[in-house]
Amino acid sequence: MKINVGSKNNIKVSAVKEALDLYQDFKNAAVEGMSIQSAVSEQPKSMEETVRGALHRAKIVFQNCDYSFGIESGLMQVPNTKTGYMDFTVCAIYDGQRFHLGLSPALECPPIVIQRVFADNLDLDGALHQSGITQNQDIGSAEGMIGLLTKGRITRKDYTKQAIMMAMIHLENKEYY
């Protein structure tokens, strides 16, 4: 079985490989990351934009494969939070005809980070670095903001795998979807 991932980000590609190893039918799948443009802003700032990015990533890399995966992280508005926004990840799996979506858990960014995202038009990596929370300018390719804030208890790969497993529910239970 061949799986394409709409990203070369090692965290995303590794998360797909590790998540698929949990499923008998996907255990020995060949997983390949592909470099593409996401068709959304560097830092998606809505649920709609984040989902659109994941769908685009999955659809554009559906080439000579059985399934393609698009993974996009972004912000969504959430009432009653301190900043009004939470960070989350969308996984879109494309089978050539239909999309199967899953979401990760969400976490609220520190207020200074949200301020920098919107005031300075930065992505989360840049906003975390500019605010002095991390020296790693590419934390999204490492443990991610979630890894930093949970002190390694949950990493970006962990939470990306959860989004993938939520989308896999559709493939594992085709009779219901």
C-alpha atoms as a PDB file:
ATOM      1  CA  MET A   1       0.000   0.000   0.000  1.00  0.00           C
ATOM      2  CA  LYS A   2       1.276   3.460  -0.911  1.00  0.00           C
ATOM      3  CA  ILE A   3       0.490   6.569   1.156  1.00  0.00           C
ATOM      4  CA  ASN A   4       1.432  10.123   0.178  1.00  0.00           C
ATOM      5  CA  VAL A   5       1.613  12.926   2.734  1.00  0.00           C
ATOM      6  CA  GLY A   6       1.202  16.542   1.623  1.00  0.00           C
ATOM      7  CA  SER A   7       4.257  17.743   3.538  1.00  0.00           C
ATOM      8  CA  LYS A   8       7.969  17.089   3.959  1.00  0.00           C
ATOM      9  CA  ASN A   9       7.750  18.066   7.657  1.00  0.00           C
ATOM     10  CA  ASN A  10       9.277  15.062   9.414  1.00  0.00           C
ATOM     11  CA  ILE A  11       6.867  15.405  12.359  1.00  0.00           C
ATOM     12  CA  LYS A  12       3.851  15.026  10.049  1.00  0.00           C
ATOM     13  CA  VAL A  13       5.341  12.186   7.979  1.00  0.00           C
ATOM     14  CA  SER A  14       6.509  10.296  11.097  1.00  0.00           C
ATOM     15  CA  ALA A  15       3.116  10.777  12.731  1.00  0.00           C
ATOM     16  CA  VAL A  16       1.404   9.203   9.708  1.00  0.00           C
ATOM     17  CA  LYS A  17       3.844   6.253   9.723  1.00  0.00           C
ATOM     18  CA  GLU A  18       3.480   5.665  13.462  1.00  0.00           C
ATOM     19  CA  ALA A  19      -0.304   6.016  13.460  1.00  0.00           C
ATOM     20  CA  LEU A  20      -0.726   3.659  10.494  1.00  0.00           C
ATOM     21  CA  ASP A  21       1.417   1.028  12.227  1.00  0.00           C
ATOM     22  CA  LEU A  22      -1.486   0.671  14.682  1.00  0.00           C
ATOM     23  CA  TYR A  23      -3.811  -0.591  11.904  1.00  0.00           C
ATOM     24  CA  GLN A  24      -3.423  -4.110  10.502  1.00  0.00           C
ATOM     25  CA  ASP A  25      -4.421  -3.121   6.948  1.00  0.00           C
ATOM     26  CA  PHE A  26      -1.970  -0.203   6.909  1.00  0.00           C
ATOM     27  CA  LYS A  27       0.889  -1.665   8.968  1.00  0.00           C
ATOM     28  CA  ASN A  28       3.365  -2.102   6.099  1.00  0.00           C
ATOM     29  CA  ALA A  29       2.335   0.921   4.053  1.00  0.00           C
ATOM     30  CA  ALA A  30       5.042   2.862   2.250  1.00  0.00           C
ATOM     31  CA  VAL A  31       4.664   6.469   3.416  1.00  0.00           C
ATOM     32  CA  GLU A  32       6.212   9.312   1.439  1.00  0.00           C
ATOM     33  CA  GLY A  33       6.184  13.024   2.228  1.00  0.00           C
ATOM     34  CA  MET A  34       5.834  15.410  -0.697  1.00  0.00           C
ATOM     35  CA  SER A  35       6.671  19.105  -0.789  1.00  0.00           C
ATOM     36  CA  ILE A  36       3.685  21.246  -1.820  1.00  0.00           C
ATOM     37  CA  GLN A  37       2.130  24.649  -1.243  1.00  0.00           C
ATOM     38  CA  SER A  38      -0.689  24.537   1.307  1.00  0.00           C
ATOM     39  CA  ALA A  39      -2.926  27.074  -0.515  1.00  0.00           C
ATOM     40  CA  VAL A  40      -3.655  28.785   2.820  1.00  0.00           C
ATOM     41  CA  SER A  41      -1.761  31.375   4.820  1.00  0.00           C
ATOM     42  CA  GLU A  42       1.408  30.421   6.676  1.00  0.00           C
ATOM     43  CA  GLN A  43      -0.641  30.577   9.882  1.00  0.00           C
ATOM     44  CA  PRO A  44      -4.278  29.603   9.275  1.00  0.00           C
ATOM     45  CA  LYS A  45      -6.496  31.666  11.569  1.00  0.00           C
ATOM     46  CA  SER A  46      -9.846  29.888  11.344  1.00  0.00           C
ATOM     47  CA  MET A  47     -11.335  26.416  11.389  1.00  0.00           C
ATOM     48  CA  GLU A  48     -12.444  26.883   7.765  1.00  0.00           C
ATOM     49  CA  GLU A  49      -8.983  27.912   6.550  1.00  0.00           C
ATOM     50  CA  THR A  50      -7.257  25.094   8.438  1.00  0.00           C
ATOM     51  CA  VAL A  51      -9.629  22.451   7.062  1.00  0.00           C
ATOM     52  CA  ARG A  52      -9.235  23.912   3.555  1.00  0.00           C
ATOM     53  CA  GLY A  53      -5.446  23.614   3.887  1.00  0.00           C
ATOM     54  CA  ALA A  54      -5.640  19.961   4.955  1.00  0.00           C
ATOM     55  CA  LEU A  55      -8.065  19.116   2.124  1.00  0.00           C
ATOM     56  CA  HIS A  56      -5.841  20.825  -0.430  1.00  0.00           C
ATOM     57  CA  ARG A  57      -2.715  19.061   0.821  1.00  0.00           C
ATOM     58  CA  ALA A  58      -4.415  15.651   0.612  1.00  0.00           C
ATOM     59  CA  LYS A  59      -5.964  16.210  -2.800  1.00  0.00           C
ATOM     60  CA  ILE A  60      -2.892  17.630  -4.540  1.00  0.00           C
ATOM     61  CA  VAL A  61      -0.635  14.710  -3.510  1.00  0.00           C
ATOM     62  CA  PHE A  62      -3.092  11.992  -4.527  1.00  0.00           C
ATOM     63  CA  GLN A  63      -0.807  10.612  -7.247  1.00  0.00           C
ATOM     64  CA  ASN A  64       0.051   6.936  -7.739  1.00  0.00           C
ATOM     65  CA  CYS A  65      -1.075   6.036  -4.236  1.00  0.00           C
ATOM     66  CA  ASP A  66      -3.886   4.306  -2.365  1.00  0.00           C
ATOM     67  CA  TYR A  67      -4.522   7.157   0.088  1.00  0.00           C
ATOM     68  CA  SER A  68      -3.156  10.621   0.621  1.00  0.00           C
ATOM     69  CA  PHE A  69      -2.962  12.560   3.865  1.00  0.00           C
ATOM     70  CA  GLY A  70      -3.145  16.305   4.343  1.00  0.00           C
ATOM     71  CA  ILE A  71      -2.244  17.668   7.758  1.00  0.00           C
ATOM     72  CA  GLU A  72      -2.683  21.335   8.639  1.00  0.00           C
ATOM     73  CA  SER A  73      -2.378  23.076  11.977  1.00  0.00           C
ATOM     74  CA  GLY A  74      -4.141  26.336  12.649  1.00  0.00           C
ATOM     75  CA  LEU A  75      -6.074  28.523  15.022  1.00  0.00           C
ATOM     76  CA  MET A  76      -9.807  28.470  15.624  1.00  0.00           C
ATOM     77  CA  GLN A  77     -12.013  30.822  17.575  1.00  0.00           C
ATOM     78  CA  VAL A  78     -13.189  29.374  20.875  1.00  0.00           C
ATOM     79  CA  PRO A  79     -15.537  31.324  23.149  1.00  0.00           C
ATOM     80  CA  ASN A  80     -14.594  31.940  26.784  1.00  0.00           C
ATOM     81  CA  THR A  81     -10.859  31.402  26.258  1.00  0.00           C
ATOM     82  CA  LYS A  82      -8.366  34.020  27.418  1.00  0.00           C
ATOM     83  CA  THR A  83      -7.314  34.895  23.862  1.00  0.00           C
ATOM     84  CA  GLY A  84     -10.379  33.844  21.877  1.00  0.00           C
ATOM     85  CA  TYR A  85      -8.341  31.219  19.973  1.00  0.00           C
ATOM     86  CA  MET A  86      -7.021  27.690  20.300  1.00  0.00           C
ATOM     87  CA  ASP A  87      -4.461  25.808  18.204  1.00  0.00           C
ATOM     88  CA  PHE A  88      -5.431  22.451  16.670  1.00  0.00           C
ATOM     89  CA  THR A  89      -4.558  20.099  13.811  1.00  0.00           C
ATOM     90  CA  VAL A  90      -6.724  18.730  11.003  1.00  0.00           C
ATOM     91  CA  CYS A  91      -6.015  15.475   9.190  1.00  0.00           C
ATOM     92  CA  ALA A  92      -7.708  14.939   5.829  1.00  0.00           C
ATOM     93  CA  ILE A  93      -7.389  11.500   4.255  1.00  0.00           C
ATOM     94  CA  TYR A  94      -8.309  11.304   0.567  1.00  0.00           C
ATOM     95  CA  ASP A  95      -9.159   8.027  -1.157  1.00  0.00           C
ATOM     96  CA  GLY A  96      -9.538   9.490  -4.646  1.00  0.00           C
ATOM     97  CA  GLN A  97     -13.258  10.095  -4.221  1.00  0.00           C
ATOM     98  CA  ARG A  98     -13.983  11.203  -0.682  1.00  0.00           C
ATOM     99  CA  PHE A  99     -12.293  12.948   2.206  1.00  0.00           C
ATOM    100  CA  HIS A 100     -12.182  11.589   5.751  1.00  0.00           C
ATOM    101  CA  LEU A 101     -11.493  14.215   8.426  1.00  0.00           C
ATOM    102  CA  GLY A 102     -10.162  14.071  11.952  1.00  0.00           C
ATOM    103  CA  LEU A 103      -9.161  16.724  14.481  1.00  0.00           C
ATOM    104  CA  SER A 104      -6.624  16.774  17.268  1.00  0.00           C
ATOM    105  CA  PRO A 105      -7.233  18.087  20.752  1.00  0.00           C
ATOM    106  CA  ALA A 106      -6.809  21.852  20.991  1.00  0.00           C
ATOM    107  CA  LEU A 107      -4.764  24.069  23.275  1.00  0.00           C
ATOM    108  CA  GLU A 108      -4.807  27.758  23.992  1.00  0.00           C
ATOM    109  CA  CYS A 109      -1.677  29.669  23.051  1.00  0.00           C
ATOM    110  CA  PRO A 110      -0.184  32.137  25.521  1.00  0.00           C
ATOM    111  CA  PRO A 111      -1.768  35.591  25.020  1.00  0.00           C
ATOM    112  CA  ILE A 112       1.515  37.177  23.896  1.00  0.00           C
ATOM    113  CA  VAL A 113       1.775  34.569  21.122  1.00  0.00           C
ATOM    114  CA  ILE A 114      -1.730  35.283  19.793  1.00  0.00           C
ATOM    115  CA  GLN A 115      -0.992  39.009  19.932  1.00  0.00           C
ATOM    116  CA  ARG A 116       2.146  38.520  17.807  1.00  0.00           C
ATOM    117  CA  VAL A 117       0.358  36.224  15.349  1.00  0.00           C
ATOM    118  CA  PHE A 118      -2.279  38.850  14.628  1.00  0.00           C
ATOM    119  CA  ALA A 119      -0.342  42.115  15.129  1.00  0.00           C
ATOM    120  CA  ASP A 120       2.846  41.037  13.342  1.00  0.00           C
ATOM    121  CA  ASN A 121       1.304  38.433  10.982  1.00  0.00           C
ATOM    122  CA  LEU A 122       3.621  35.693  12.278  1.00  0.00           C
ATOM    123  CA  ASP A 123       3.131  31.947  12.320  1.00  0.00           C
ATOM    124  CA  LEU A 124       3.234  30.214  15.710  1.00  0.00           C
ATOM    125  CA  ASP A 125       6.937  29.356  15.360  1.00  0.00           C
ATOM    126  CA  GLY A 126       7.802  33.002  14.751  1.00  0.00           C
ATOM    127  CA  ALA A 127       5.448  34.267  17.440  1.00  0.00           C
ATOM    128  CA  LEU A 128       6.843  31.860  20.046  1.00  0.00           C
ATOM    129  CA  HIS A 129      10.383  32.895  19.155  1.00  0.00           C
ATOM    130  CA  GLN A 130       9.661  36.646  19.002  1.00  0.00           C
ATOM    131  CA  SER A 131       7.899  36.537  22.365  1.00  0.00           C
ATOM    132  CA  GLY A 132      10.947  34.906  23.975  1.00  0.00           C
ATOM    133  CA  ILE A 133       9.131  31.685  24.894  1.00  0.00           C
ATOM    134  CA  THR A 134      11.596  29.599  22.854  1.00  0.00           C
ATOM    135  CA  GLN A 135      14.897  30.093  21.057  1.00  0.00           C
ATOM    136  CA  ASN A 136      13.921  27.403  18.512  1.00  0.00           C
ATOM    137  CA  GLN A 137      12.754  29.249  15.409  1.00  0.00           C
ATOM    138  CA  ASP A 138      11.381  26.011  13.924  1.00  0.00           C
ATOM    139  CA  ILE A 139       9.702  24.464  16.958  1.00  0.00           C
ATOM    140  CA  GLY A 140       6.847  23.179  14.745  1.00  0.00           C
ATOM    141  CA  SER A 141       9.323  20.726  13.199  1.00  0.00           C
ATOM    142  CA  ALA A 142      10.374  19.599  16.685  1.00  0.00           C
ATOM    143  CA  GLU A 143       8.222  19.109  19.781  1.00  0.00           C
ATOM    144  CA  GLY A 144       5.883  21.928  18.807  1.00  0.00           C
ATOM    145  CA  MET A 145       4.314  24.506  21.060  1.00  0.00           C
ATOM    146  CA  ILE A 146       2.345  21.746  22.782  1.00  0.00           C
ATOM    147  CA  GLY A 147       5.573  19.904  23.648  1.00  0.00           C
ATOM    148  CA  LEU A 148       7.061  23.083  25.037  1.00  0.00           C
ATOM    149  CA  LEU A 149       4.015  24.018  27.117  1.00  0.00           C
ATOM    150  CA  THR A 150       3.366  20.474  28.429  1.00  0.00           C
ATOM    151  CA  LYS A 151       7.080  20.086  29.176  1.00  0.00           C
ATOM    152  CA  GLY A 152       7.277  17.124  26.803  1.00  0.00           C
ATOM    153  CA  ARG A 153       4.235  15.255  28.104  1.00  0.00           C
ATOM    154  CA  ILE A 154       2.460  15.667  24.745  1.00  0.00           C
ATOM    155  CA  THR A 155       4.426  16.476  21.602  1.00  0.00           C
ATOM    156  CA  ARG A 156       3.321  17.810  18.247  1.00  0.00           C
ATOM    157  CA  LYS A 157       3.760  14.313  16.826  1.00  0.00           C
ATOM    158  CA  ASP A 158       1.484  12.873  19.546  1.00  0.00           C
ATOM    159  CA  TYR A 159      -1.272  15.325  18.848  1.00  0.00           C
ATOM    160  CA  THR A 160      -0.908  14.967  15.096  1.00  0.00           C
ATOM    161  CA  LYS A 161      -1.253  11.189  15.482  1.00  0.00           C
ATOM    162  CA  GLN A 162      -4.512  11.760  17.367  1.00  0.00           C
ATOM    163  CA  ALA A 163      -5.922  13.771  14.442  1.00  0.00           C
ATOM    164  CA  ILE A 164      -4.858  10.972  12.077  1.00  0.00           C
ATOM    165  CA  MET A 165      -6.523   8.309  14.229  1.00  0.00           C
ATOM    166  CA  MET A 166      -9.738  10.341  14.340  1.00  0.00           C
ATOM    167  CA  ALA A 167      -9.786  10.425  10.521  1.00  0.00           C
ATOM    168  CA  MET A 168      -8.938   6.700  10.380  1.00  0.00           C
ATOM    169  CA  ILE A 169     -12.227   5.956  12.159  1.00  0.00           C
ATOM    170  CA  HIS A 170     -13.917   6.445   8.761  1.00  0.00           C
ATOM    171  CA  LEU A 171     -11.669   3.920   7.014  1.00  0.00           C
ATOM    172  CA  GLU A 172     -11.830   1.385   9.797  1.00  0.00           C
ATOM    173  CA  ASN A 173     -15.644   1.613   9.997  1.00  0.00           C
ATOM    174  CA  LYS A 174     -16.605   2.102   6.343  1.00  0.00           C
ATOM    175  CA  GLU A 175     -20.040   0.593   6.920  1.00  0.00           C
ATOM    176  CA  TYR A 176     -21.009   3.643   9.000  1.00  0.00           C
ATOM    177  CA  TYR A 177     -19.533   6.316   6.749  1.00  0.00           C
END
